C-alpha atoms as a PDB file:
ATOM      1  CA  MET A   1     -45.375 -20.619  58.515  1.00  0.00           C
ATOM      2  CA  GLN A   2     -41.811 -19.984  57.725  1.00  0.00           C
ATOM      3  CA  ALA A   3     -42.081 -21.526  54.254  1.00  0.00           C
ATOM      4  CA  PHE A   4     -44.948 -18.867  53.613  1.00  0.00           C
ATOM      5  CA  GLU A   5     -42.935 -15.922  54.966  1.00  0.00           C
ATOM      6  CA  LEU A   6     -39.863 -16.903  52.710  1.00  0.00           C
ATOM      7  CA  HIS A   7     -42.438 -17.068  49.638  1.00  0.00           C
ATOM      8  CA  LEU A   8     -43.613 -13.858  50.755  1.00  0.00           C
ATOM      9  CA  PHE A   9     -40.311 -12.439  51.001  1.00  0.00           C
ATOM     10  CA  LEU A  10     -39.263 -13.448  47.727  1.00  0.00           C
ATOM     11  CA  TRP A  11     -42.501 -12.096  45.910  1.00  0.00           C
ATOM     12  CA  LEU A  12     -41.897  -8.967  47.451  1.00  0.00           C
ATOM     13  CA  ILE A  13     -38.174  -8.805  46.289  1.00  0.00           C
ATOM     14  CA  ALA A  14     -39.341  -9.715  42.597  1.00  0.00           C
ATOM     15  CA  VAL A  15     -42.222  -7.088  42.643  1.00  0.00           C
ATOM     16  CA  THR A  16     -39.669  -4.576  43.839  1.00  0.00           C
ATOM     17  CA  LEU A  17     -37.283  -5.412  41.134  1.00  0.00           C
ATOM     18  CA  SER A  18     -39.821  -5.545  38.163  1.00  0.00           C
ATOM     19  CA  LEU A  19     -41.495  -1.902  39.579  1.00  0.00           C
ATOM     20  CA  LYS A  20     -38.082  -0.460  39.674  1.00  0.00           C
ATOM     21  CA  GLU A  21     -37.021  -1.883  36.248  1.00  0.00           C
ATOM     22  CA  GLU A  22     -40.439  -0.343  34.752  1.00  0.00           C
ATOM     23  CA  ALA A  23     -39.667   2.875  36.702  1.00  0.00           C
ATOM     24  CA  CYS A  24     -36.079   3.392  35.235  1.00  0.00           C
ATOM     25  CA  ARG A  25     -35.776   5.209  32.209  1.00  0.00           C
ATOM     26  CA  LYS A  26     -34.864   4.030  28.764  1.00  0.00           C
ATOM     27  CA  ALA A  27     -31.716   4.910  27.415  1.00  0.00           C
ATOM     28  CA  THR A  28     -31.317   4.240  23.370  1.00  0.00           C
ATOM     29  CA  LEU A  29     -27.821   3.367  22.026  1.00  0.00           C
ATOM     30  CA  THR A  30     -27.185   4.370  18.214  1.00  0.00           C
ATOM     31  CA  LEU A  31     -24.164   4.204  16.275  1.00  0.00           C
ATOM     32  CA  LYS A  32     -23.160   7.291  14.293  1.00  0.00           C
ATOM     33  CA  THR A  33     -20.812   7.236  11.388  1.00  0.00           C
ATOM     34  CA  TRP A  34     -20.302   8.892   8.239  1.00  0.00           C
ATOM     35  CA  ARG A  35     -21.101   6.182   5.965  1.00  0.00           C
ATOM     36  CA  LYS A  36     -23.249   3.160   6.060  1.00  0.00           C
ATOM     37  CA  THR A  37     -20.879   0.448   6.617  1.00  0.00           C
ATOM     38  CA  VAL A  38     -18.071   0.548   9.282  1.00  0.00           C
ATOM     39  CA  LYS A  39     -14.690  -0.293   7.786  1.00  0.00           C
ATOM     40  CA  PHE A  40     -11.415  -0.953   8.969  1.00  0.00           C
ATOM     41  CA  ARG A  41      -9.980   2.307  10.428  1.00  0.00           C
ATOM     42  CA  ASP A  42     -12.885   4.549  10.395  1.00  0.00           C
ATOM     43  CA  ASN A  43     -13.967   6.683  13.145  1.00  0.00           C
ATOM     44  CA  ILE A  44     -17.212   5.994  14.835  1.00  0.00           C
ATOM     45  CA  THR A  45     -19.196   7.568  17.484  1.00  0.00           C
ATOM     46  CA  LEU A  46     -21.572   5.898  20.123  1.00  0.00           C
ATOM     47  CA  VAL A  47     -24.531   8.117  21.276  1.00  0.00           C
ATOM     48  CA  CYS A  48     -26.500   7.422  24.479  1.00  0.00           C
ATOM     49  CA  SER A  49     -30.026   8.896  24.298  1.00  0.00           C
ATOM     50  CA  ILE A  50     -32.652   9.366  27.174  1.00  0.00           C
ATOM     51  CA  ASN A  51     -35.909  11.136  26.579  1.00  0.00           C
ATOM     52  CA  GLY A  52     -36.239  14.350  27.782  1.00  0.00           C
ATOM     53  CA  THR A  53     -33.468  17.031  28.862  1.00  0.00           C
ATOM     54  CA  PHE A  54     -31.082  16.329  31.897  1.00  0.00           C
ATOM     55  CA  THR A  55     -27.793  17.737  32.885  1.00  0.00           C
ATOM     56  CA  GLY A  56     -25.396  16.628  35.331  1.00  0.00           C
ATOM     57  CA  LEU A  57     -25.436  13.010  34.484  1.00  0.00           C
ATOM     58  CA  THR A  58     -22.493  10.787  33.700  1.00  0.00           C
ATOM     59  CA  TYR A  59     -22.531   7.748  31.125  1.00  0.00           C
ATOM     60  CA  HIS A  60     -21.245   4.306  31.494  1.00  0.00           C
ATOM     61  CA  TRP A  61     -20.311   2.490  28.591  1.00  0.00           C
ATOM     62  CA  HIS A  62     -20.121  -1.072  28.558  1.00  0.00           C
ATOM     63  CA  LYS A  63     -18.505  -3.472  25.829  1.00  0.00           C
ATOM     64  CA  ASP A  64     -19.468  -7.266  26.051  1.00  0.00           C
ATOM     65  CA  HIS A  65     -18.965  -8.148  29.764  1.00  0.00           C
ATOM     66  CA  GLN A  66     -16.817  -5.198  30.558  1.00  0.00           C
ATOM     67  CA  THR A  67     -19.206  -3.156  32.596  1.00  0.00           C
ATOM     68  CA  ASP A  68     -16.697  -0.077  33.514  1.00  0.00           C
ATOM     69  CA  TRP A  69     -15.473  -0.152  29.836  1.00  0.00           C
ATOM     70  CA  GLY A  70     -15.775   3.747  29.546  1.00  0.00           C
ATOM     71  CA  VAL A  71     -17.121   6.689  31.482  1.00  0.00           C
ATOM     72  CA  SER A  72     -18.079  10.167  30.161  1.00  0.00           C
ATOM     73  CA  ARG A  73     -19.999  13.260  31.060  1.00  0.00           C
ATOM     74  CA  GLU A  74     -21.023  13.588  27.457  1.00  0.00           C
ATOM     75  CA  ASN A  75     -23.774  11.141  26.086  1.00  0.00           C
ATOM     76  CA  THR A  76     -21.171  10.442  23.155  1.00  0.00           C
ATOM     77  CA  ILE A  77     -18.092   8.426  22.925  1.00  0.00           C
ATOM     78  CA  THR A  78     -15.704   8.200  19.769  1.00  0.00           C
ATOM     79  CA  ILE A  79     -13.631   5.359  18.802  1.00  0.00           C
ATOM     80  CA  PRO A  80     -11.020   6.529  16.490  1.00  0.00           C
ATOM     81  CA  PHE A  81      -9.799   4.262  13.621  1.00  0.00           C
ATOM     82  CA  VAL A  82     -11.370   1.305  14.342  1.00  0.00           C
ATOM     83  CA  THR A  83      -9.697  -2.254  14.256  1.00  0.00           C
ATOM     84  CA  GLU A  84     -10.727  -5.981  14.680  1.00  0.00           C
ATOM     85  CA  SER A  85     -10.219  -5.515  18.645  1.00  0.00           C
ATOM     86  CA  ASP A  86     -13.009  -2.866  18.685  1.00  0.00           C
ATOM     87  CA  SER A  87     -15.593  -5.599  17.501  1.00  0.00           C
ATOM     88  CA  GLY A  88     -18.096  -6.458  20.124  1.00  0.00           C
ATOM     89  CA  GLN A  89     -21.427  -5.356  21.660  1.00  0.00           C
ATOM     90  CA  TYR A  90     -22.075  -2.168  23.310  1.00  0.00           C
ATOM     91  CA  ARG A  91     -24.435  -0.793  25.579  1.00  0.00           C
ATOM     92  CA  CYS A  92     -24.577   2.552  27.764  1.00  0.00           C
ATOM     93  CA  ALA A  93     -26.381   3.628  30.871  1.00  0.00           C
ATOM     94  CA  ALA A  94     -26.916   7.028  32.475  1.00  0.00           C
ATOM     95  CA  TYR A  95     -25.855   7.600  36.292  1.00  0.00           C
ATOM     96  CA  THR A  96     -26.415  10.520  38.574  1.00  0.00           C
ATOM     97  CA  SER A  97     -23.482  12.546  39.547  1.00  0.00           C
ATOM     98  CA  GLY A  98     -22.541  13.746  43.106  1.00  0.00           C
ATOM     99  CA  PRO A  99     -21.481  12.038  46.243  1.00  0.00           C
ATOM    100  CA  TYR A 100     -24.001   9.446  45.998  1.00  0.00           C
ATOM    101  CA  PRO A 101     -24.217   8.509  42.321  1.00  0.00           C
ATOM    102  CA  GLY A 102     -27.074   6.076  41.308  1.00  0.00           C
ATOM    103  CA  ALA A 103     -28.550   4.684  37.934  1.00  0.00           C
ATOM    104  CA  PHE A 104     -30.490   7.110  36.412  1.00  0.00           C
ATOM    105  CA  SER A 105     -31.398   4.988  33.355  1.00  0.00           C
ATOM    106  CA  CYS A 106     -31.786   1.185  32.616  1.00  0.00           C
ATOM    107  CA  ARG A 107     -29.185  -0.333  30.429  1.00  0.00           C
ATOM    108  CA  SER A 108     -29.532   0.536  26.794  1.00  0.00           C
ATOM    109  CA  ASN A 109     -30.170  -1.862  23.689  1.00  0.00           C
ATOM    110  CA  ALA A 110     -27.108  -3.591  22.602  1.00  0.00           C
ATOM    111  CA  VAL A 111     -25.492  -2.365  19.365  1.00  0.00           C
ATOM    112  CA  LYS A 112     -22.916  -4.859  17.667  1.00  0.00           C
ATOM    113  CA  LEU A 113     -19.764  -3.679  15.881  1.00  0.00           C
ATOM    114  CA  SER A 114     -18.093  -6.035  13.673  1.00  0.00           C
ATOM    115  CA  ILE A 115     -14.653  -4.917  12.249  1.00  0.00           C
ATOM    116  CA  LYS A 116     -12.449  -6.702   9.932  1.00  0.00           C
ATOM    117  CA  GLY A 117      -8.806  -6.332   9.845  1.00  0.00           C
ATOM    118  CA  LEU A 118      -6.626  -5.087   6.723  1.00  0.00           C
ATOM    119  CA  LEU A 119      -7.935  -6.291   3.470  1.00  0.00           C
ATOM    120  CA  THR A 120      -5.721  -8.505   1.500  1.00  0.00           C
ATOM    121  CA  ALA A 121      -3.881  -7.035  -1.648  1.00  0.00           C
ATOM    122  CA  THR A 122      -2.911  -9.028  -4.649  1.00  0.00           C
ATOM    123  CA  LEU A 123      -0.629  -7.646  -7.250  1.00  0.00           C
ATOM    124  CA  MET A 124      -0.517  -9.517 -10.828  1.00  0.00           C
ATOM    125  CA  LEU A 125       0.266  -8.456 -14.602  1.00  0.00           C
ATOM    126  CA  ARG A 126      -2.830  -8.045 -16.612  1.00  0.00           C
ATOM    127  CA  ASP A 127      -1.648  -9.906 -19.358  1.00  0.00           C
ATOM    128  CA  GLN A 128       0.308 -12.458 -17.352  1.00  0.00           C
ATOM    129  CA  ARG A 129       2.747 -12.624 -20.293  1.00  0.00           C
ATOM    130  CA  GLU A 130       6.665 -13.539 -19.968  1.00  0.00           C
ATOM    131  CA  PRO A 131       9.064 -12.679 -20.764  1.00  0.00           C
ATOM    132  CA  VAL A 132       8.468  -8.840 -20.957  1.00  0.00           C
ATOM    133  CA  TYR A 133      10.617  -7.148 -23.377  1.00  0.00           C
ATOM    134  CA  ILE A 134      12.112  -3.550 -23.690  1.00  0.00           C
ATOM    135  CA  GLY A 135       9.546  -1.173 -25.333  1.00  0.00           C
ATOM    136  CA  GLU A 136       6.511  -3.107 -24.137  1.00  0.00           C
ATOM    137  CA  ASP A 137       3.814  -1.626 -22.125  1.00  0.00           C
ATOM    138  CA  VAL A 138       3.241  -3.451 -18.704  1.00  0.00           C
ATOM    139  CA  THR A 139      -0.239  -2.937 -16.704  1.00  0.00           C
ATOM    140  CA  LEU A 140       0.193  -3.732 -13.010  1.00  0.00           C
ATOM    141  CA  VAL A 141      -3.448  -4.610 -11.526  1.00  0.00           C
ATOM    142  CA  CYS A 142      -3.993  -4.110  -7.746  1.00  0.00           C
ATOM    143  CA  SER A 143      -6.861  -6.423  -6.524  1.00  0.00           C
ATOM    144  CA  ILE A 144      -8.463  -6.069  -2.981  1.00  0.00           C
ATOM    145  CA  GLU A 145     -10.039  -9.089  -1.625  1.00  0.00           C
ATOM    146  CA  ASN A 146     -14.162  -9.038  -1.937  1.00  0.00           C
ATOM    147  CA  GLY A 147     -13.739  -6.780  -4.814  1.00  0.00           C
ATOM    148  CA  TYR A 148     -13.441  -3.627  -2.914  1.00  0.00           C
ATOM    149  CA  THR A 149     -13.035  -0.637  -4.957  1.00  0.00           C
ATOM    150  CA  GLY A 150     -12.962   3.022  -4.674  1.00  0.00           C
ATOM    151  CA  TRP A 151      -9.629   3.350  -2.692  1.00  0.00           C
ATOM    152  CA  THR A 152      -6.492   4.985  -3.317  1.00  0.00           C
ATOM    153  CA  TYR A 153      -3.475   3.085  -4.273  1.00  0.00           C
ATOM    154  CA  HIS A 154       0.303   3.310  -3.399  1.00  0.00           C
ATOM    155  CA  TRP A 155       2.931   1.567  -5.881  1.00  0.00           C
ATOM    156  CA  TYR A 156       6.265   0.338  -4.538  1.00  0.00           C
ATOM    157  CA  LYS A 157       9.251  -0.662  -6.364  1.00  0.00           C
ATOM    158  CA  ASP A 158      12.041  -2.458  -4.586  1.00  0.00           C
ATOM    159  CA  GLY A 159      10.577  -1.446  -1.326  1.00  0.00           C
ATOM    160  CA  TYR A 160      10.255   2.328  -2.189  1.00  0.00           C
ATOM    161  CA  SER A 161       7.032   4.286  -2.946  1.00  0.00           C
ATOM    162  CA  ASP A 162       8.627   5.721  -6.297  1.00  0.00           C
ATOM    163  CA  ARG A 163       5.543   6.130  -8.069  1.00  0.00           C
ATOM    164  CA  ASN A 164       2.818   8.584  -7.523  1.00  0.00           C
ATOM    165  CA  LYS A 165      -0.332   7.572  -5.887  1.00  0.00           C
ATOM    166  CA  SER A 166      -3.213   6.566  -8.397  1.00  0.00           C
ATOM    167  CA  ASN A 167      -7.152   6.415  -7.919  1.00  0.00           C
ATOM    168  CA  GLU A 168      -7.191   3.397 -10.121  1.00  0.00           C
ATOM    169  CA  HIS A 169      -6.205   0.059  -8.902  1.00  0.00           C
ATOM    170  CA  MET A 170      -4.258  -0.611 -12.391  1.00  0.00           C
ATOM    171  CA  VAL A 171      -1.175   1.236 -13.550  1.00  0.00           C
ATOM    172  CA  THR A 172       0.635   1.164 -16.702  1.00  0.00           C
ATOM    173  CA  ILE A 173       4.541   1.307 -17.339  1.00  0.00           C
ATOM    174  CA  SER A 174       4.947   2.609 -21.084  1.00  0.00           C
ATOM    175  CA  SER A 175       7.839   1.471 -22.979  1.00  0.00           C
ATOM    176  CA  VAL A 176       9.466  -0.283 -20.360  1.00  0.00           C
ATOM    177  CA  THR A 177      13.376  -0.431 -20.233  1.00  0.00           C
ATOM    178  CA  MET A 178      15.832  -2.363 -18.220  1.00  0.00           C
ATOM    179  CA  SER A 179      15.741   0.154 -15.489  1.00  0.00           C
ATOM    180  CA  ASP A 180      12.179  -0.958 -14.830  1.00  0.00           C
ATOM    181  CA  SER A 181      13.109  -4.274 -13.762  1.00  0.00           C
ATOM    182  CA  GLY A 182      12.486  -4.774 -10.028  1.00  0.00           C
ATOM    183  CA  GLU A 183      10.090  -6.015  -7.375  1.00  0.00           C
ATOM    184  CA  TYR A 184       6.732  -4.217  -7.163  1.00  0.00           C
ATOM    185  CA  GLN A 185       3.965  -4.122  -4.516  1.00  0.00           C
ATOM    186  CA  CYS A 186       0.883  -1.903  -4.010  1.00  0.00           C
ATOM    187  CA  ALA A 187      -1.405  -1.230  -1.068  1.00  0.00           C
ATOM    188  CA  ALA A 188      -4.752   0.462  -0.893  1.00  0.00           C
ATOM    189  CA  TYR A 189      -5.681   3.145   1.500  1.00  0.00           C
ATOM    190  CA  ARG A 190      -8.457   5.398   2.347  1.00  0.00           C
ATOM    191  CA  ASP A 191      -8.106   9.142   1.500  1.00  0.00           C
ATOM    192  CA  ASP A 192     -11.096  10.804   2.178  1.00  0.00           C
ATOM    193  CA  ARG A 193     -10.995  12.590   5.651  1.00  0.00           C
ATOM    194  CA  TYR A 194      -8.304  10.640   7.320  1.00  0.00           C
ATOM    195  CA  PRO A 195      -5.836   8.922   5.128  1.00  0.00           C
ATOM    196  CA  VAL A 196      -5.224   5.563   6.477  1.00  0.00           C
ATOM    197  CA  PHE A 197      -4.347   2.279   4.936  1.00  0.00           C
ATOM    198  CA  VAL A 198      -6.990  -0.494   4.377  1.00  0.00           C
ATOM    199  CA  SER A 199      -4.916  -2.942   2.943  1.00  0.00           C
ATOM    200  CA  THR A 200      -1.863  -5.227   3.710  1.00  0.00           C
ATOM    201  CA  ALA A 201       1.145  -4.551   1.335  1.00  0.00           C
ATOM    202  CA  SER A 202       0.508  -7.007  -1.466  1.00  0.00           C
ATOM    203  CA  ASN A 203       2.494  -9.896  -2.589  1.00  0.00           C
ATOM    204  CA  ALA A 204       6.040  -8.884  -4.176  1.00  0.00           C
ATOM    205  CA  LEU A 205       5.743  -9.183  -7.877  1.00  0.00           C
ATOM    206  CA  THR A 206       8.941  -9.558 -10.098  1.00  0.00           C
ATOM    207  CA  LEU A 207       9.232  -7.605 -13.102  1.00  0.00           C
ATOM    208  CA  SER A 208      12.084  -9.001 -15.309  1.00  0.00           C
ATOM    209  CA  VAL A 209      12.664  -6.723 -18.618  1.00  0.00           C
ATOM    210  CA  HIS A 210      14.507  -8.600 -21.091  1.00  0.00           C
ATOM    211  CA  GLU A 211      16.782  -7.237 -24.175  1.00  0.00           C
ATOM    212  CA  ARG A 212      15.544  -7.920 -27.376  1.00  0.00           C
ATOM    213  CA  LYS A 213      17.996 -10.208 -29.552  1.00  0.00           C
ATOM    214  CA  ALA A 214      17.902 -10.106 -33.263  1.00  0.00           C
ATOM    215  CA  LYS A 215      18.477 -13.031 -35.498  1.00  0.00           C
ATOM    216  CA  LEU A 216      18.984 -12.429 -39.404  1.00  0.00           C
ATOM    217  CA  GLN A 217      18.227 -15.406 -41.890  1.00  0.00           C
ATOM    218  CA  ILE A 218      18.698 -15.650 -45.440  1.00  0.00           C
ATOM    219  CA  THR A 219      16.576 -17.455 -47.576  1.00  0.00           C
ATOM    220  CA  SER A 220      16.579 -17.952 -51.413  1.00  0.00           C
ATOM    221  CA  SER A 221      14.386 -19.893 -54.033  1.00  0.00           C
ATOM    222  CA  HIS A 222      16.692 -22.891 -54.159  1.00  0.00           C
ATOM    223  CA  THR A 223      16.424 -25.626 -51.963  1.00  0.00           C
ATOM    224  CA  ASP A 224      19.818 -26.218 -51.344  1.00  0.00           C
ATOM    225  CA  GLY A 225      20.420 -22.685 -49.985  1.00  0.00           C
ATOM    226  CA  ARG A 226      22.542 -21.763 -53.020  1.00  0.00           C
ATOM    227  CA  ILE A 227      22.399 -18.183 -54.166  1.00  0.00           C
ATOM    228  CA  PHE A 228      23.520 -17.246 -57.809  1.00  0.00           C
ATOM    229  CA  GLU A 229      23.634 -14.174 -59.572  1.00  0.00           C
ATOM    230  CA  GLY A 230      20.156 -12.594 -60.592  1.00  0.00           C
ATOM    231  CA  ASP A 231      18.178 -14.681 -57.833  1.00  0.00           C
ATOM    232  CA  GLU A 232      15.874 -12.822 -55.526  1.00  0.00           C
ATOM    233  CA  VAL A 233      17.301 -12.887 -52.000  1.00  0.00           C
ATOM    234  CA  HIS A 234      15.248 -12.308 -48.472  1.00  0.00           C
ATOM    235  CA  LEU A 235      17.046 -11.098 -45.431  1.00  0.00           C
ATOM    236  CA  SER A 236      14.534 -11.776 -42.434  1.00  0.00           C
ATOM    237  CA  CYS A 237      15.377  -9.842 -39.334  1.00  0.00           C
ATOM    238  CA  ASN A 238      13.603 -11.934 -36.921  1.00  0.00           C
ATOM    239  CA  VAL A 239      13.552 -10.055 -33.216  1.00  0.00           C
ATOM    240  CA  ASP A 240      12.399 -11.482 -29.785  1.00  0.00           C
ATOM    241  CA  GLY A 241       8.862 -10.334 -28.902  1.00  0.00           C
ATOM    242  CA  ASP A 242       7.791  -9.688 -32.500  1.00  0.00           C
ATOM    243  CA  PRO A 243       7.840  -5.588 -32.003  1.00  0.00           C
ATOM    244  CA  VAL A 244       5.060  -3.590 -33.672  1.00  0.00           C
ATOM    245  CA  MET A 245       5.672  -0.420 -35.336  1.00  0.00           C
ATOM    246  CA  TRP A 246       9.613  -0.704 -34.833  1.00  0.00           C
ATOM    247  CA  LYS A 247      11.818  -0.017 -37.874  1.00  0.00           C
ATOM    248  CA  PHE A 248      14.218  -2.679 -38.899  1.00  0.00           C
ATOM    249  CA  GLU A 249      17.870  -1.564 -39.805  1.00  0.00           C
ATOM    250  CA  LEU A 250      19.979  -3.983 -42.228  1.00  0.00           C
ATOM    251  CA  TYR A 251      23.725  -3.296 -41.847  1.00  0.00           C
ATOM    252  CA  LYS A 252      27.004  -4.716 -43.939  1.00  0.00           C
ATOM    253  CA  THR A 253      29.551  -5.703 -41.688  1.00  0.00           C
ATOM    254  CA  GLY A 254      31.943  -2.907 -40.762  1.00  0.00           C
ATOM    255  CA  ASN A 255      29.346  -0.014 -41.723  1.00  0.00           C
ATOM    256  CA  GLU A 256      27.888   2.065 -38.688  1.00  0.00           C
ATOM    257  CA  THR A 257      25.205   3.637 -40.881  1.00  0.00           C
ATOM    258  CA  PRO A 258      22.287   1.311 -42.251  1.00  0.00           C
ATOM    259  CA  TYR A 259      22.404  -0.115 -45.714  1.00  0.00           C
ATOM    260  CA  ARG A 260      18.476  -0.642 -45.634  1.00  0.00           C
ATOM    261  CA  VAL A 261      15.879   0.588 -43.325  1.00  0.00           C
ATOM    262  CA  GLU A 262      12.165  -0.966 -43.325  1.00  0.00           C
ATOM    263  CA  MET A 263       8.819  -0.991 -41.232  1.00  0.00           C
ATOM    264  CA  LYS A 264       8.697  -4.858 -41.996  1.00  0.00           C
ATOM    265  CA  LYS A 265      11.357  -7.262 -40.942  1.00  0.00           C
ATOM    266  CA  LYS A 266      12.107  -8.641 -44.516  1.00  0.00           C
ATOM    267  CA  PHE A 267      14.557  -7.051 -46.769  1.00  0.00           C
ATOM    268  CA  THR A 268      14.603  -8.384 -50.498  1.00  0.00           C
ATOM    269  CA  ILE A 269      17.624  -8.053 -52.647  1.00  0.00           C
ATOM    270  CA  SER A 270      16.585  -8.513 -56.613  1.00  0.00           C
ATOM    271  CA  PRO A 271      18.402  -9.434 -58.464  1.00  0.00           C
ATOM    272  CA  VAL A 272      21.496 -10.203 -56.575  1.00  0.00           C
ATOM    273  CA  THR A 273      24.800  -9.592 -57.887  1.00  0.00           C
ATOM    274  CA  LEU A 274      28.304 -10.635 -56.826  1.00  0.00           C
ATOM    275  CA  SER A 275      28.974  -7.361 -55.453  1.00  0.00           C
ATOM    276  CA  HIS A 276      26.308  -8.084 -52.564  1.00  0.00           C
ATOM    277  CA  SER A 277      28.597 -10.860 -51.505  1.00  0.00           C
ATOM    278  CA  ARG A 278      29.666  -9.819 -48.034  1.00  0.00           C
ATOM    279  CA  GLY A 279      28.548 -10.221 -44.197  1.00  0.00           C
ATOM    280  CA  TYR A 280      25.139  -8.565 -42.818  1.00  0.00           C
ATOM    281  CA  ARG A 281      23.570  -7.846 -39.539  1.00  0.00           C
ATOM    282  CA  CYS A 282      20.365  -6.082 -38.353  1.00  0.00           C
ATOM    283  CA  ARG A 283      18.459  -4.729 -35.387  1.00  0.00           C
ATOM    284  CA  ALA A 284      15.300  -3.246 -34.476  1.00  0.00           C
ATOM    285  CA  VAL A 285      14.646   0.443 -33.239  1.00  0.00           C
ATOM    286  CA  LYS A 286      11.920   2.552 -31.915  1.00  0.00           C
ATOM    287  CA  GLY A 287      12.922   6.038 -30.848  1.00  0.00           C
ATOM    288  CA  ASP A 288      15.706   5.764 -28.271  1.00  0.00           C
ATOM    289  CA  LEU A 289      15.148   1.943 -27.810  1.00  0.00           C
ATOM    290  CA  GLN A 290      16.876  -0.860 -29.878  1.00  0.00           C
ATOM    291  CA  SER A 291      17.478  -4.564 -29.751  1.00  0.00           C
ATOM    292  CA  ASN A 292      20.507  -5.887 -29.876  1.00  0.00           C
ATOM    293  CA  PHE A 293      22.683  -6.524 -33.041  1.00  0.00           C
ATOM    294  CA  SER A 294      22.174  -9.899 -34.679  1.00  0.00           C
ATOM    295  CA  ASP A 295      25.147 -12.191 -35.072  1.00  0.00           C
ATOM    296  CA  PRO A 296      26.692 -11.400 -38.803  1.00  0.00           C
ATOM    297  CA  VAL A 297      25.444 -13.604 -41.436  1.00  0.00           C
ATOM    298  CA  GLN A 298      27.715 -14.136 -44.767  1.00  0.00           C
ATOM    299  CA  LEU A 299      25.761 -13.744 -48.138  1.00  0.00           C
ATOM    300  CA  HIS A 300      27.655 -15.874 -50.617  1.00  0.00           C
ATOM    301  CA  VAL A 301      26.747 -14.935 -54.466  1.00  0.00           C
ATOM    302  CA  LEU A 302      27.697 -17.504 -56.844  1.00  0.00           C
ATOM    303  CA  GLY A 303      28.014 -16.887 -60.382  1.00  0.00           C
ATOM    304  CA  LEU A 304      25.403 -17.634 -62.917  1.00  0.00           C
ATOM    305  CA  SER A 305      23.568 -20.784 -62.538  1.00  0.00           C
ATOM    306  CA  LEU A 306      22.579 -22.565 -65.717  1.00  0.00           C
ATOM    307  CA  GLU A 307      18.820 -21.390 -65.177  1.00  0.00           C
ATOM    308  CA  ASN A 308      20.060 -18.075 -64.841  1.00  0.00           C
ATOM    309  CA  LYS A 309      22.481 -18.385 -67.774  1.00  0.00           C
ATOM    310  CA  ILE A 310      19.464 -19.749 -70.009  1.00  0.00           C
ATOM    311  CA  ARG A 311      17.215 -16.915 -69.201  1.00  0.00           C
ATOM    312  CA  LEU A 312      19.795 -14.208 -69.500  1.00  0.00           C
ATOM    313  CA  ALA A 313      20.766 -15.864 -73.132  1.00  0.00           C
ATOM    314  CA  ILE A 314      16.902 -15.835 -73.854  1.00  0.00           C
ATOM    315  CA  SER A 315      16.647 -12.283 -72.685  1.00  0.00           C
ATOM    316  CA  GLY A 316      19.951 -11.505 -74.903  1.00  0.00           C
ATOM    317  CA  LEU A 317      18.435 -12.938 -77.908  1.00  0.00           C
ATOM    318  CA  VAL A 318      15.061 -11.344 -77.758  1.00  0.00           C
ATOM    319  CA  LEU A 319      16.707  -7.937 -77.278  1.00  0.00           C
ATOM    320  CA  VAL A 320      18.868  -8.769 -80.530  1.00  0.00           C
ATOM    321  CA  VAL A 321      15.701  -9.746 -82.374  1.00  0.00           C
ATOM    322  CA  LEU A 322      14.066  -6.022 -81.133  1.00  0.00           C
ATOM    323  CA  LEU A 323      16.976  -4.059 -82.161  1.00  0.00           C
ATOM    324  CA  ILE A 324      17.027  -5.835 -85.720  1.00  0.00           C
ATOM    325  CA  ILE A 325      13.337  -5.167 -85.887  1.00  0.00           C
ATOM    326  CA  VAL A 326      13.711  -1.802 -84.928  1.00  0.00           C
ATOM    327  CA  ALA A 327      16.657  -1.218 -87.284  1.00  0.00           C
ATOM    328  CA  GLU A 328      14.763  -2.662 -90.286  1.00  0.00           C
ATOM    329  CA  CYS A 329      11.790  -0.422 -89.683  1.00  0.00           C
ATOM    330  CA  LEU A 330      14.196   2.853 -89.483  1.00  0.00           C
ATOM    331  CA  TRP A 331      15.989   1.252 -92.825  1.00  0.00           C
ATOM    332  CA  ILE A 332      12.735   0.977 -94.493  1.00  0.00           C
ATOM    333  CA  LYS A 333      11.665   4.408 -93.313  1.00  0.00           C
ATOM    334  CA  VAL A 334      14.989   6.033 -94.612  1.00  0.00           C
ATOM    335  CA  ARG A 335      14.404   4.580 -98.018  1.00  0.00           C
END
């Protein structure tokens, strides 16, 4: 008999709890945000809705196993600038106010919020070329993990934000100079309603800008390197980085003004004479930019070679013959 009474008592408790659960009002929790995907440092709002119009209620907000995570008189609660710690499952329930508060609704459905921390930024050179010389254009690329785009980017040099922000993940430094050398970093931030950073500061990228060094090289048609009067001589001004659209200047040693200026690195002297014997140096220039001067190179011109003497003799003989022919023609015409 006692066992029957115990079973009956337990059954009545279960039925009572079931009826109470069925009788409680349904609460629906929704996530309100201004974009589809919640991102780090967004502002979000949770809305606890109950069918019908009711006043004087208080709303209890639960997160994971925290039953008293928050209490409000409004059916909404806002979490500003969400971070990883705000991740979790949220529920809500409405309670009556007054001296004897009680549950007015059942606990709502669960809304899961997953927030990832700051994204990782990586800074690199677009062409990954080394070394970098003055006058070159350098492009820095700020990549955000998982290919996120659409942010605004801050650019830092030596720890200071000395460059304007940009909406592009790439920034180009045109015609770099030595002063552009330094450590660069970038970071992405959201600049819509609330400007806040969404990425870490990137790795530090060291940009070393090198001066361009010039080297002057003299070549002739002789395999032994000797240069004789009447030869054709080439002076090549080789500059680090093979600059394009730069002017090449050839100087005689001791002179401050260029002896020759070309848009290509090779200078030709033909025919060379004894007066060309002296030192030469060169450099490349573009606007206010210039390479270093090359070390002076001495051009030694020897007297006529046997080959040039024969060539000169033949040329002289041909000239004499032509003069004789012209003279005879004039003599015949006069007679």
